[in-house]
Every structure is written in C-alpha cells, then in structure tokens.
Amino acid sequence: MYAIIRTGGKQYRVQEGDEFNVEKLPANEGETIVFGDVLAVGEGSDLIVGKPNVDGARVHADIVKQGRAKKILVFKFKRRKNYK
C-alpha cells in the first residue's frame, strides 16, 4: 500500500519503510511529523483518490536528519564583452 502526499510544493509517493528527502520542516530530528495533505492512498484497484485530499488519511513520518541540498554553482557570462 502506498500514499501520495504533498509537502513543500511537491508531491511524493511513499510507503511504509521509505526514506525520502523533503523541504525543511518545522520540527527537530527524532520527532514525528504528520502529513495531512494526502492526495491518494491504496494500491491497484483499491486506490482511493481524494478531491483534492482523502478524508481522514494521515501519514506519520520520523525526521531522521535536517540538512541542506548540494550547493549550486551559478555562472553568467556574455561572449566577447568581458563580462563574467
């Protein structure tokens, strides 16, 4: 059984035992957080799709680590204009 949740402006397909990265959450490491924005839950022909959310569905997750993503290098230049 899996669920599709929405957090941080993105959607994630999760199931029991999964580890996944999301945007920073307002909780500390080791705490449990509840995602109430569940868009779909089930599997195969038993899939329940919400309009827009499934009523009464919750996903509980433990925060393993808070961190940042890799740094992105941004470089601008214009050819033959000595602009970098």
C-alpha atoms as a PDB file:
ATOM      1  CA  MET A   1       0.000   0.000   0.000  1.00  0.00           C
ATOM      2  CA  TYR A   2       1.301   3.450  -0.814  1.00  0.00           C
ATOM      3  CA  ALA A   3       0.211   7.058  -0.403  1.00  0.00           C
ATOM      4  CA  ILE A   4       0.797  10.233  -2.371  1.00  0.00           C
ATOM      5  CA  ILE A   5       1.446  13.227  -0.114  1.00  0.00           C
ATOM      6  CA  ARG A   6       2.054  16.903  -0.816  1.00  0.00           C
ATOM      7  CA  THR A   7       4.655  18.910   1.113  1.00  0.00           C
ATOM      8  CA  GLY A   8       6.923  21.788   0.207  1.00  0.00           C
ATOM      9  CA  GLY A   9       5.076  22.377  -3.072  1.00  0.00           C
ATOM     10  CA  LYS A  10       5.956  18.893  -4.337  1.00  0.00           C
ATOM     11  CA  GLN A  11       4.241  15.505  -4.371  1.00  0.00           C
ATOM     12  CA  TYR A  12       5.844  12.297  -3.088  1.00  0.00           C
ATOM     13  CA  ARG A  13       4.845   8.657  -3.438  1.00  0.00           C
ATOM     14  CA  VAL A  14       5.623   6.981  -0.110  1.00  0.00           C
ATOM     15  CA  GLN A  15       5.028   3.667   1.565  1.00  0.00           C
ATOM     16  CA  GLU A  16       5.942   2.146   4.906  1.00  0.00           C
ATOM     17  CA  GLY A  17       9.688   1.970   5.481  1.00  0.00           C
ATOM     18  CA  ASP A  18      10.646   4.538   2.801  1.00  0.00           C
ATOM     19  CA  GLU A  19      13.233   7.253   3.387  1.00  0.00           C
ATOM     20  CA  PHE A  20      12.870  10.397   1.281  1.00  0.00           C
ATOM     21  CA  ASN A  21      14.101  13.991   1.225  1.00  0.00           C
ATOM     22  CA  VAL A  22      11.700  16.917   1.521  1.00  0.00           C
ATOM     23  CA  GLU A  23      11.986  20.659   2.060  1.00  0.00           C
ATOM     24  CA  LYS A  24      12.901  21.778   5.575  1.00  0.00           C
ATOM     25  CA  LEU A  25      10.183  21.024   8.123  1.00  0.00           C
ATOM     26  CA  PRO A  26       9.356  22.909  11.346  1.00  0.00           C
ATOM     27  CA  ALA A  27      10.449  20.100  13.693  1.00  0.00           C
ATOM     28  CA  ASN A  28      13.623  18.672  15.214  1.00  0.00           C
ATOM     29  CA  GLU A  29      15.486  15.448  14.476  1.00  0.00           C
ATOM     30  CA  GLY A  30      13.917  12.412  16.118  1.00  0.00           C
ATOM     31  CA  GLU A  31      10.412  13.897  16.234  1.00  0.00           C
ATOM     32  CA  THR A  32       7.402  12.505  14.413  1.00  0.00           C
ATOM     33  CA  ILE A  33       5.549  14.704  11.938  1.00  0.00           C
ATOM     34  CA  VAL A  34       2.084  14.114  10.481  1.00  0.00           C
ATOM     35  CA  PHE A  35       1.330  14.873   6.836  1.00  0.00           C
ATOM     36  CA  GLY A  36      -2.389  15.579   6.489  1.00  0.00           C
ATOM     37  CA  ASP A  37      -2.241  16.578   2.819  1.00  0.00           C
ATOM     38  CA  VAL A  38      -2.774  13.032   1.425  1.00  0.00           C
ATOM     39  CA  LEU A  39      -3.857  13.060  -2.225  1.00  0.00           C
ATOM     40  CA  ALA A  40      -4.259   9.309  -2.764  1.00  0.00           C
ATOM     41  CA  VAL A  41      -3.939   6.115  -0.750  1.00  0.00           C
ATOM     42  CA  GLY A  42      -4.154   2.405  -1.606  1.00  0.00           C
ATOM     43  CA  GLU A  43      -2.849   0.157  -4.331  1.00  0.00           C
ATOM     44  CA  GLY A  44      -4.149  -1.269  -7.585  1.00  0.00           C
ATOM     45  CA  SER A  45      -7.936  -1.429  -7.757  1.00  0.00           C
ATOM     46  CA  ASP A  46      -8.190  -0.339  -4.085  1.00  0.00           C
ATOM     47  CA  LEU A  47      -6.716   3.112  -4.801  1.00  0.00           C
ATOM     48  CA  ILE A  48      -8.674   5.960  -3.205  1.00  0.00           C
ATOM     49  CA  VAL A  49      -8.135   9.364  -4.832  1.00  0.00           C
ATOM     50  CA  GLY A  50      -9.182  12.478  -2.937  1.00  0.00           C
ATOM     51  CA  LYS A  51     -10.876  15.601  -4.222  1.00  0.00           C
ATOM     52  CA  PRO A  52      -8.308  17.171  -3.537  1.00  0.00           C
ATOM     53  CA  ASN A  53      -7.449  15.278  -0.289  1.00  0.00           C
ATOM     54  CA  VAL A  54      -8.528  11.917   1.103  1.00  0.00           C
ATOM     55  CA  ASP A  55     -10.741  12.499   4.163  1.00  0.00           C
ATOM     56  CA  GLY A  56      -9.245  11.186   7.404  1.00  0.00           C
ATOM     57  CA  ALA A  57      -5.994   9.962   5.821  1.00  0.00           C
ATOM     58  CA  ARG A  58      -2.737  10.820   7.600  1.00  0.00           C
ATOM     59  CA  VAL A  59       0.887   9.851   7.022  1.00  0.00           C
ATOM     60  CA  HIS A  60       3.189   9.733  10.058  1.00  0.00           C
ATOM     61  CA  ALA A  61       6.932  10.165   9.468  1.00  0.00           C
ATOM     62  CA  ASP A  62      10.010  10.324  11.697  1.00  0.00           C
ATOM     63  CA  ILE A  63      12.563  13.051  10.975  1.00  0.00           C
ATOM     64  CA  VAL A  64      15.928  11.337  10.634  1.00  0.00           C
ATOM     65  CA  LYS A  65      18.073  14.340   9.673  1.00  0.00           C
ATOM     66  CA  GLN A  66      17.681  18.034   8.868  1.00  0.00           C
ATOM     67  CA  GLY A  67      20.100  19.304   6.256  1.00  0.00           C
ATOM     68  CA  ARG A  68      20.685  21.220   3.075  1.00  0.00           C
ATOM     69  CA  ALA A  69      20.939  20.147  -0.548  1.00  0.00           C
ATOM     70  CA  LYS A  70      24.150  20.404  -2.570  1.00  0.00           C
ATOM     71  CA  LYS A  71      25.287  23.905  -3.416  1.00  0.00           C
ATOM     72  CA  ILE A  72      24.543  25.002  -6.978  1.00  0.00           C
ATOM     73  CA  LEU A  73      27.145  26.920  -8.979  1.00  0.00           C
ATOM     74  CA  VAL A  74      25.620  29.793 -10.951  1.00  0.00           C
ATOM     75  CA  PHE A  75      27.839  31.379 -13.600  1.00  0.00           C
ATOM     76  CA  LYS A  76      26.879  34.141 -16.021  1.00  0.00           C
ATOM     77  CA  PHE A  77      28.885  35.492 -18.911  1.00  0.00           C
ATOM     78  CA  LYS A  78      28.465  37.281 -22.209  1.00  0.00           C
ATOM     79  CA  ARG A  79      30.787  36.334 -25.013  1.00  0.00           C
ATOM     80  CA  ARG A  80      33.267  38.909 -26.301  1.00  0.00           C
ATOM     81  CA  LYS A  81      32.015  41.539 -23.793  1.00  0.00           C
ATOM     82  CA  ASN A  82      34.497  40.798 -20.954  1.00  0.00           C
ATOM     83  CA  TYR A  83      31.520  40.088 -18.659  1.00  0.00           C
ATOM     84  CA  LYS A  84      31.726  37.269 -16.175  1.00  0.00           C
END
